[in-house]
Amino acid sequence: MASQLLRLAAYGVCIDDDRILLARYVSPDRAQRHWTLPGGKVEHAEDPYGAVVREVAEETGYTADVVSLLGVDSRTWHVDWAGPTGGELHCVGIFYSIALVGGELRHETDGSTDMAAWVPISDVPDLERTVIIDTALDLHHNRPASGHVDPVPIGGLLRY
């Protein structure tokens, strides 16, 4: 039987004019890179609200305040790295609108990201990126009362 794994993550969505703050994910073996939102795993007993503030600081150098909850995304997919037969990874992402209140842009060193940048939103479709960026933009632009948007299909430049 395949392993069942759960990952809870919190992400900061920071949009300034027509730009979005992104971080570039680096795989543990350092071989793969793609753009993602600042944020990540909520540690055991950590509040997601505090996790997003911590992750934004670690990955971008900025101090952030949470402005509002944008929504929650939930998706499951098969991963090969979870044991001999792989596993089913269930990711629950909590998306917060954030405001930057201090610090300055810098890159993370020795972490899960290697670069932070302000990226024009018009450039996002041409980036190799995680699906959560598209989900975040949908939540930001549409502000659904339910906090839920339809899943974004994976493929092309889009990654989990």
N, C-alpha and C. Protein backbone atom coordinates (compact mmCIF):
# COMPACT_ATOMS: atom_id res chain seq x y z
N MET A 1 0.83 -1.18 0.00
CA MET A 1 0.00 0.00 0.00
C MET A 1 0.88 1.24 0.00
N ALA A 2 0.51 2.22 -0.77
CA ALA A 2 1.26 3.47 -0.86
C ALA A 2 1.09 4.28 0.42
N SER A 3 2.13 5.00 0.78
CA SER A 3 2.08 5.88 1.94
C SER A 3 1.11 7.02 1.70
N GLN A 4 0.50 7.48 2.77
CA GLN A 4 -0.35 8.67 2.71
C GLN A 4 0.33 9.76 3.53
N LEU A 5 0.63 10.87 2.88
CA LEU A 5 1.36 11.95 3.51
C LEU A 5 0.55 13.23 3.45
N LEU A 6 0.64 14.05 4.50
CA LEU A 6 -0.06 15.32 4.54
C LEU A 6 0.96 16.44 4.73
N ARG A 7 0.83 17.50 3.92
CA ARG A 7 1.70 18.67 4.05
C ARG A 7 0.81 19.90 4.17
N LEU A 8 0.98 20.63 5.27
CA LEU A 8 0.27 21.89 5.48
C LEU A 8 1.26 23.02 5.24
N ALA A 9 0.88 23.97 4.40
CA ALA A 9 1.77 25.07 4.06
C ALA A 9 1.01 26.39 4.09
N ALA A 10 1.75 27.47 4.33
CA ALA A 10 1.19 28.82 4.33
C ALA A 10 1.99 29.67 3.36
N TYR A 11 1.28 30.44 2.53
CA TYR A 11 1.93 31.23 1.49
C TYR A 11 1.54 32.70 1.58
N GLY A 12 2.50 33.58 1.32
CA GLY A 12 2.26 35.01 1.31
C GLY A 12 2.09 35.51 -0.11
N VAL A 13 1.01 36.23 -0.34
CA VAL A 13 0.72 36.81 -1.65
C VAL A 13 0.89 38.32 -1.51
N CYS A 14 1.95 38.83 -2.12
CA CYS A 14 2.26 40.25 -2.03
C CYS A 14 2.30 40.83 -3.45
N ILE A 15 1.34 41.68 -3.73
CA ILE A 15 1.26 42.30 -5.05
C ILE A 15 1.41 43.80 -4.88
N ASP A 16 2.32 44.37 -5.63
CA ASP A 16 2.59 45.81 -5.60
C ASP A 16 2.47 46.32 -7.03
N ASP A 17 1.46 47.15 -7.27
CA ASP A 17 1.15 47.60 -8.63
C ASP A 17 0.92 46.38 -9.51
N ASP A 18 1.75 46.17 -10.50
CA ASP A 18 1.59 45.04 -11.41
C ASP A 18 2.69 44.00 -11.23
N ARG A 19 3.23 43.93 -10.00
CA ARG A 19 4.30 42.96 -9.71
C ARG A 19 3.88 42.06 -8.55
N ILE A 20 4.45 40.86 -8.56
CA ILE A 20 4.21 39.91 -7.47
C ILE A 20 5.56 39.48 -6.91
N LEU A 21 5.64 39.33 -5.60
CA LEU A 21 6.86 38.88 -4.94
C LEU A 21 6.93 37.36 -5.03
N LEU A 22 8.02 36.86 -5.62
CA LEU A 22 8.22 35.42 -5.78
C LEU A 22 9.57 34.99 -5.22
N ALA A 23 9.69 33.71 -4.95
CA ALA A 23 10.95 33.08 -4.55
C ALA A 23 11.21 31.92 -5.50
N ARG A 24 12.48 31.62 -5.73
CA ARG A 24 12.80 30.52 -6.63
C ARG A 24 13.16 29.28 -5.81
N TYR A 25 12.32 28.26 -5.93
CA TYR A 25 12.51 26.98 -5.25
C TYR A 25 13.71 26.25 -5.85
N VAL A 26 14.46 25.57 -4.98
CA VAL A 26 15.58 24.72 -5.40
C VAL A 26 15.37 23.35 -4.77
N SER A 27 15.42 22.30 -5.59
CA SER A 27 15.22 20.95 -5.08
C SER A 27 16.36 20.59 -4.12
N PRO A 28 16.12 19.61 -3.23
CA PRO A 28 17.17 19.23 -2.27
C PRO A 28 18.50 18.84 -2.92
N ASP A 29 18.45 18.25 -4.12
CA ASP A 29 19.70 17.89 -4.81
C ASP A 29 20.26 19.06 -5.63
N ARG A 30 19.58 20.22 -5.57
CA ARG A 30 19.98 21.48 -6.23
C ARG A 30 19.89 21.40 -7.75
N ALA A 31 19.28 20.35 -8.31
CA ALA A 31 19.24 20.15 -9.76
C ALA A 31 18.06 20.86 -10.43
N GLN A 32 16.99 21.10 -9.69
CA GLN A 32 15.79 21.69 -10.28
C GLN A 32 15.47 23.02 -9.61
N ARG A 33 14.99 23.96 -10.43
CA ARG A 33 14.60 25.26 -9.91
C ARG A 33 13.34 25.72 -10.64
N HIS A 34 12.42 26.32 -9.90
CA HIS A 34 11.26 26.96 -10.50
C HIS A 34 10.70 27.98 -9.50
N TRP A 35 9.91 28.90 -10.00
CA TRP A 35 9.37 29.98 -9.17
C TRP A 35 8.20 29.50 -8.34
N THR A 36 8.08 30.09 -7.15
CA THR A 36 7.00 29.78 -6.23
C THR A 36 6.68 31.03 -5.42
N LEU A 37 5.71 30.91 -4.55
CA LEU A 37 5.40 32.00 -3.63
C LEU A 37 6.29 31.90 -2.41
N PRO A 38 6.59 33.03 -1.76
CA PRO A 38 7.25 32.92 -0.46
C PRO A 38 6.30 32.22 0.51
N GLY A 39 6.82 31.25 1.20
CA GLY A 39 6.01 30.49 2.14
C GLY A 39 6.48 29.06 2.18
N GLY A 40 5.75 28.24 2.89
CA GLY A 40 6.13 26.84 2.95
C GLY A 40 5.53 26.13 4.13
N LYS A 41 6.18 25.06 4.51
CA LYS A 41 5.66 24.13 5.51
C LYS A 41 5.38 24.80 6.85
N VAL A 42 4.21 24.48 7.38
CA VAL A 42 3.86 24.87 8.74
C VAL A 42 4.45 23.81 9.65
N GLU A 43 5.33 24.23 10.55
CA GLU A 43 5.98 23.28 11.45
C GLU A 43 4.98 22.78 12.51
N HIS A 44 5.30 21.64 13.14
CA HIS A 44 4.44 21.08 14.17
C HIS A 44 4.18 22.13 15.25
N ALA A 45 2.92 22.30 15.60
CA ALA A 45 2.44 23.22 16.64
C ALA A 45 2.59 24.70 16.26
N GLU A 46 2.96 24.99 15.03
CA GLU A 46 3.09 26.37 14.58
C GLU A 46 1.75 26.83 13.98
N ASP A 47 1.39 28.06 14.27
CA ASP A 47 0.19 28.65 13.68
C ASP A 47 0.51 29.03 12.23
N PRO A 48 -0.36 28.70 11.27
CA PRO A 48 -0.09 29.09 9.88
C PRO A 48 0.14 30.58 9.70
N TYR A 49 -0.54 31.40 10.47
CA TYR A 49 -0.38 32.86 10.45
C TYR A 49 1.08 33.23 10.76
N GLY A 50 1.63 32.62 11.79
CA GLY A 50 3.03 32.86 12.14
C GLY A 50 3.98 32.24 11.14
N ALA A 51 3.60 31.10 10.58
CA ALA A 51 4.46 30.41 9.61
C ALA A 51 4.67 31.26 8.37
N VAL A 52 3.62 31.92 7.88
CA VAL A 52 3.79 32.72 6.67
C VAL A 52 4.69 33.91 6.93
N VAL A 53 4.58 34.54 8.09
CA VAL A 53 5.45 35.66 8.44
C VAL A 53 6.91 35.18 8.51
N ARG A 54 7.13 34.04 9.15
CA ARG A 54 8.49 33.47 9.26
C ARG A 54 9.06 33.12 7.90
N GLU A 55 8.26 32.43 7.08
CA GLU A 55 8.74 31.99 5.76
C GLU A 55 9.06 33.18 4.84
N VAL A 56 8.22 34.21 4.85
CA VAL A 56 8.49 35.38 4.02
C VAL A 56 9.82 36.01 4.43
N ALA A 57 10.06 36.13 5.72
CA ALA A 57 11.33 36.70 6.20
C ALA A 57 12.52 35.84 5.77
N GLU A 58 12.39 34.52 5.94
CA GLU A 58 13.50 33.62 5.58
C GLU A 58 13.81 33.68 4.09
N GLU A 59 12.77 33.71 3.26
CA GLU A 59 12.98 33.57 1.81
C GLU A 59 13.17 34.88 1.05
N THR A 60 12.76 36.01 1.66
CA THR A 60 12.85 37.27 0.92
C THR A 60 13.59 38.38 1.65
N GLY A 61 13.75 38.27 2.95
CA GLY A 61 14.37 39.34 3.74
C GLY A 61 13.38 40.36 4.26
N TYR A 62 12.14 40.29 3.82
CA TYR A 62 11.14 41.27 4.24
C TYR A 62 10.42 40.84 5.51
N THR A 63 10.01 41.82 6.30
CA THR A 63 9.10 41.60 7.42
C THR A 63 7.70 41.85 6.89
N ALA A 64 6.80 40.92 7.16
CA ALA A 64 5.44 41.00 6.61
C ALA A 64 4.40 41.01 7.71
N ASP A 65 3.31 41.68 7.42
CA ASP A 65 2.10 41.60 8.23
C ASP A 65 1.04 40.92 7.38
N VAL A 66 0.25 40.07 8.00
CA VAL A 66 -0.87 39.46 7.30
C VAL A 66 -2.00 40.47 7.23
N VAL A 67 -2.53 40.67 6.01
CA VAL A 67 -3.64 41.59 5.79
C VAL A 67 -4.96 40.85 5.84
N SER A 68 -5.03 39.72 5.13
CA SER A 68 -6.27 38.95 5.09
C SER A 68 -6.01 37.54 4.62
N LEU A 69 -6.95 36.68 4.92
CA LEU A 69 -6.95 35.31 4.41
C LEU A 69 -7.57 35.34 3.02
N LEU A 70 -6.83 34.84 2.02
CA LEU A 70 -7.36 34.78 0.66
C LEU A 70 -8.12 33.49 0.39
N GLY A 71 -7.61 32.38 0.91
CA GLY A 71 -8.28 31.11 0.66
C GLY A 71 -7.40 29.93 0.98
N VAL A 72 -7.93 28.75 0.68
CA VAL A 72 -7.26 27.48 0.95
C VAL A 72 -7.34 26.63 -0.30
N ASP A 73 -6.24 25.98 -0.62
CA ASP A 73 -6.18 25.08 -1.77
C ASP A 73 -5.81 23.69 -1.26
N SER A 74 -6.45 22.67 -1.80
CA SER A 74 -6.19 21.29 -1.39
C SER A 74 -6.07 20.44 -2.64
N ARG A 75 -4.98 19.68 -2.72
CA ARG A 75 -4.79 18.80 -3.88
C ARG A 75 -3.96 17.59 -3.45
N THR A 76 -4.14 16.50 -4.17
CA THR A 76 -3.44 15.25 -3.89
C THR A 76 -2.83 14.73 -5.18
N TRP A 77 -1.60 14.18 -5.08
CA TRP A 77 -0.98 13.55 -6.23
C TRP A 77 0.02 12.50 -5.77
N HIS A 78 0.38 11.64 -6.70
CA HIS A 78 1.33 10.57 -6.43
C HIS A 78 2.75 11.12 -6.47
N VAL A 79 3.57 10.70 -5.51
CA VAL A 79 5.00 11.05 -5.49
C VAL A 79 5.82 9.77 -5.43
N ASP A 80 6.88 9.73 -6.20
CA ASP A 80 7.73 8.54 -6.26
C ASP A 80 8.67 8.41 -5.06
N TRP A 81 8.99 9.51 -4.41
CA TRP A 81 10.01 9.51 -3.37
C TRP A 81 9.53 8.99 -2.02
N ALA A 82 8.26 8.64 -1.88
CA ALA A 82 7.71 8.24 -0.57
C ALA A 82 7.66 6.72 -0.43
N GLY A 83 8.80 6.09 -0.30
CA GLY A 83 8.84 4.66 -0.09
C GLY A 83 8.96 3.87 -1.38
N PRO A 84 9.04 2.54 -1.26
CA PRO A 84 9.28 1.69 -2.42
C PRO A 84 8.20 1.77 -3.50
N THR A 85 6.95 1.99 -3.12
CA THR A 85 5.88 2.10 -4.11
C THR A 85 5.39 3.54 -4.27
N GLY A 86 6.11 4.48 -3.70
CA GLY A 86 5.69 5.87 -3.76
C GLY A 86 4.63 6.16 -2.72
N GLY A 87 3.92 7.23 -2.92
CA GLY A 87 2.90 7.60 -1.96
C GLY A 87 1.97 8.65 -2.51
N GLU A 88 0.90 8.87 -1.78
CA GLU A 88 -0.06 9.91 -2.13
C GLU A 88 0.19 11.09 -1.19
N LEU A 89 0.56 12.21 -1.79
CA LEU A 89 0.84 13.43 -1.03
C LEU A 89 -0.37 14.35 -1.11
N HIS A 90 -0.91 14.70 0.04
CA HIS A 90 -2.03 15.63 0.13
C HIS A 90 -1.48 16.95 0.65
N CYS A 91 -1.55 17.97 -0.19
CA CYS A 91 -1.05 19.30 0.18
C CYS A 91 -2.22 20.23 0.42
N VAL A 92 -2.20 20.87 1.57
CA VAL A 92 -3.18 21.89 1.90
C VAL A 92 -2.42 23.20 2.03
N GLY A 93 -2.74 24.15 1.17
CA GLY A 93 -2.07 25.45 1.18
C GLY A 93 -3.01 26.54 1.64
N ILE A 94 -2.55 27.33 2.59
CA ILE A 94 -3.32 28.47 3.09
C ILE A 94 -2.68 29.72 2.51
N PHE A 95 -3.48 30.53 1.84
CA PHE A 95 -2.98 31.72 1.14
C PHE A 95 -3.41 32.98 1.87
N TYR A 96 -2.41 33.80 2.22
CA TYR A 96 -2.66 35.06 2.90
C TYR A 96 -2.21 36.22 2.03
N SER A 97 -3.01 37.29 2.01
CA SER A 97 -2.55 38.55 1.44
C SER A 97 -1.66 39.19 2.50
N ILE A 98 -0.47 39.64 2.10
CA ILE A 98 0.46 40.23 3.06
C ILE A 98 0.88 41.62 2.62
N ALA A 99 1.30 42.41 3.60
CA ALA A 99 1.89 43.73 3.35
C ALA A 99 3.29 43.71 3.94
N LEU A 100 4.23 44.29 3.22
CA LEU A 100 5.61 44.36 3.70
C LEU A 100 5.76 45.59 4.58
N VAL A 101 6.34 45.40 5.77
CA VAL A 101 6.45 46.49 6.73
C VAL A 101 7.89 46.79 7.13
N GLY A 102 8.83 46.04 6.59
CA GLY A 102 10.24 46.27 6.93
C GLY A 102 11.13 45.33 6.16
N GLY A 103 12.42 45.48 6.41
CA GLY A 103 13.42 44.65 5.76
C GLY A 103 13.70 45.12 4.36
N GLU A 104 14.53 44.36 3.69
CA GLU A 104 14.82 44.65 2.29
C GLU A 104 15.05 43.34 1.55
N LEU A 105 14.81 43.40 0.24
CA LEU A 105 14.91 42.19 -0.58
C LEU A 105 16.32 41.61 -0.52
N ARG A 106 16.37 40.31 -0.24
CA ARG A 106 17.62 39.56 -0.27
C ARG A 106 17.29 38.12 -0.58
N HIS A 107 18.30 37.37 -0.98
CA HIS A 107 18.12 35.96 -1.32
C HIS A 107 18.40 35.09 -0.09
N GLU A 108 17.67 33.99 0.01
CA GLU A 108 17.90 33.01 1.06
C GLU A 108 19.18 32.24 0.74
N THR A 109 19.93 31.88 1.77
CA THR A 109 21.12 31.05 1.57
C THR A 109 20.91 29.73 2.31
N ASP A 110 21.31 28.64 1.68
CA ASP A 110 21.22 27.30 2.27
C ASP A 110 19.81 26.93 2.70
N GLY A 111 18.83 27.32 1.90
CA GLY A 111 17.44 26.97 2.21
C GLY A 111 16.78 26.31 1.02
N SER A 112 15.47 26.34 1.03
CA SER A 112 14.71 25.72 -0.05
C SER A 112 14.53 26.65 -1.25
N THR A 113 14.96 27.91 -1.11
CA THR A 113 14.94 28.84 -2.23
C THR A 113 16.32 29.47 -2.37
N ASP A 114 16.62 29.99 -3.56
CA ASP A 114 17.93 30.61 -3.76
C ASP A 114 17.84 32.04 -4.30
N MET A 115 16.61 32.51 -4.53
CA MET A 115 16.45 33.83 -5.09
C MET A 115 15.06 34.35 -4.74
N ALA A 116 14.97 35.66 -4.53
CA ALA A 116 13.68 36.32 -4.37
C ALA A 116 13.66 37.48 -5.34
N ALA A 117 12.47 37.77 -5.90
CA ALA A 117 12.40 38.84 -6.90
C ALA A 117 10.97 39.34 -7.03
N TRP A 118 10.88 40.61 -7.43
CA TRP A 118 9.61 41.18 -7.86
C TRP A 118 9.48 40.89 -9.34
N VAL A 119 8.39 40.24 -9.70
CA VAL A 119 8.19 39.81 -11.09
C VAL A 119 6.91 40.47 -11.62
N PRO A 120 6.99 41.09 -12.80
CA PRO A 120 5.75 41.62 -13.40
C PRO A 120 4.74 40.50 -13.58
N ILE A 121 3.50 40.76 -13.18
CA ILE A 121 2.46 39.74 -13.31
C ILE A 121 2.31 39.31 -14.76
N SER A 122 2.54 40.22 -15.69
CA SER A 122 2.42 39.87 -17.11
C SER A 122 3.48 38.86 -17.55
N ASP A 123 4.58 38.70 -16.78
CA ASP A 123 5.63 37.73 -17.10
C ASP A 123 5.35 36.34 -16.53
N VAL A 124 4.42 36.23 -15.58
CA VAL A 124 4.17 34.95 -14.90
C VAL A 124 3.85 33.81 -15.86
N PRO A 125 3.00 34.00 -16.88
CA PRO A 125 2.68 32.86 -17.76
C PRO A 125 3.90 32.25 -18.48
N ASP A 126 4.98 33.00 -18.60
CA ASP A 126 6.18 32.50 -19.27
C ASP A 126 7.21 31.90 -18.33
N LEU A 127 6.91 31.85 -17.04
CA LEU A 127 7.84 31.31 -16.05
C LEU A 127 7.60 29.82 -15.80
N GLU A 128 8.67 29.09 -15.56
CA GLU A 128 8.52 27.75 -15.00
C GLU A 128 8.19 27.98 -13.54
N ARG A 129 7.02 27.46 -13.09
CA ARG A 129 6.52 27.86 -11.78
C ARG A 129 5.63 26.78 -11.16
N THR A 130 5.40 26.94 -9.86
CA THR A 130 4.45 26.07 -9.18
C THR A 130 3.04 26.55 -9.45
N VAL A 131 2.12 25.62 -9.43
CA VAL A 131 0.72 25.90 -9.67
C VAL A 131 0.15 26.86 -8.63
N ILE A 132 0.77 26.93 -7.46
CA ILE A 132 0.23 27.79 -6.41
C ILE A 132 0.28 29.27 -6.78
N ILE A 133 1.18 29.66 -7.68
CA ILE A 133 1.22 31.06 -8.11
C ILE A 133 -0.07 31.40 -8.85
N ASP A 134 -0.49 30.53 -9.76
CA ASP A 134 -1.72 30.76 -10.51
C ASP A 134 -2.94 30.72 -9.58
N THR A 135 -2.93 29.81 -8.63
CA THR A 135 -4.00 29.74 -7.64
C THR A 135 -4.07 31.04 -6.84
N ALA A 136 -2.91 31.53 -6.41
CA ALA A 136 -2.86 32.76 -5.62
C ALA A 136 -3.37 33.96 -6.42
N LEU A 137 -2.98 34.05 -7.68
CA LEU A 137 -3.45 35.16 -8.51
C LEU A 137 -4.96 35.10 -8.70
N ASP A 138 -5.50 33.90 -8.89
CA ASP A 138 -6.95 33.72 -9.01
C ASP A 138 -7.64 34.17 -7.72
N LEU A 139 -7.14 33.72 -6.57
CA LEU A 139 -7.71 34.13 -5.28
C LEU A 139 -7.63 35.64 -5.09
N HIS A 140 -6.49 36.22 -5.43
CA HIS A 140 -6.29 37.66 -5.26
C HIS A 140 -7.24 38.47 -6.14
N HIS A 141 -7.34 38.10 -7.40
CA HIS A 141 -8.15 38.88 -8.34
C HIS A 141 -9.66 38.69 -8.12
N ASN A 142 -10.08 37.48 -7.76
CA ASN A 142 -11.51 37.18 -7.67
C ASN A 142 -12.08 37.25 -6.26
N ARG A 143 -11.24 37.09 -5.25
CA ARG A 143 -11.66 37.17 -3.85
C ARG A 143 -12.97 36.41 -3.59
N PRO A 144 -12.99 35.10 -3.92
CA PRO A 144 -14.23 34.34 -3.72
C PRO A 144 -14.60 34.29 -2.24
N ALA A 145 -15.87 34.48 -1.95
CA ALA A 145 -16.34 34.44 -0.56
C ALA A 145 -16.04 33.10 0.09
N SER A 146 -16.04 32.04 -0.70
CA SER A 146 -15.78 30.70 -0.18
C SER A 146 -14.30 30.47 0.11
N GLY A 147 -13.41 31.32 -0.46
CA GLY A 147 -11.98 31.10 -0.30
C GLY A 147 -11.47 29.94 -1.13
N HIS A 148 -12.25 29.54 -2.14
CA HIS A 148 -11.90 28.37 -2.94
C HIS A 148 -11.98 28.71 -4.42
N VAL A 149 -10.99 28.27 -5.18
CA VAL A 149 -11.02 28.40 -6.63
C VAL A 149 -10.80 27.02 -7.23
N ASP A 150 -11.17 26.85 -8.48
CA ASP A 150 -10.99 25.57 -9.15
C ASP A 150 -9.51 25.24 -9.27
N PRO A 151 -9.15 23.96 -9.20
CA PRO A 151 -7.75 23.57 -9.34
C PRO A 151 -7.19 24.00 -10.71
N VAL A 152 -5.93 24.38 -10.72
CA VAL A 152 -5.23 24.75 -11.95
C VAL A 152 -4.60 23.48 -12.51
N PRO A 153 -4.84 23.16 -13.79
CA PRO A 153 -4.24 21.94 -14.36
C PRO A 153 -2.71 22.04 -14.44
N ILE A 154 -2.05 20.93 -14.19
CA ILE A 154 -0.60 20.84 -14.26
C ILE A 154 -0.19 20.52 -15.67
N GLY A 155 0.93 21.07 -16.11
CA GLY A 155 1.45 20.78 -17.44
C GLY A 155 2.17 21.99 -17.99
N GLY A 156 2.92 21.79 -19.05
CA GLY A 156 3.69 22.89 -19.63
C GLY A 156 4.69 23.43 -18.63
N LEU A 157 4.61 24.70 -18.32
CA LEU A 157 5.52 25.32 -17.37
C LEU A 157 5.08 25.19 -15.92
N LEU A 158 3.90 24.60 -15.69
CA LEU A 158 3.34 24.49 -14.34
C LEU A 158 3.78 23.20 -13.65
N ARG A 159 4.22 23.35 -12.41
CA ARG A 159 4.70 22.23 -11.59
C ARG A 159 3.89 22.19 -10.30
N TYR A 160 3.96 21.04 -9.61
CA TYR A 160 3.38 20.95 -8.26
C TYR A 160 4.28 21.70 -7.33
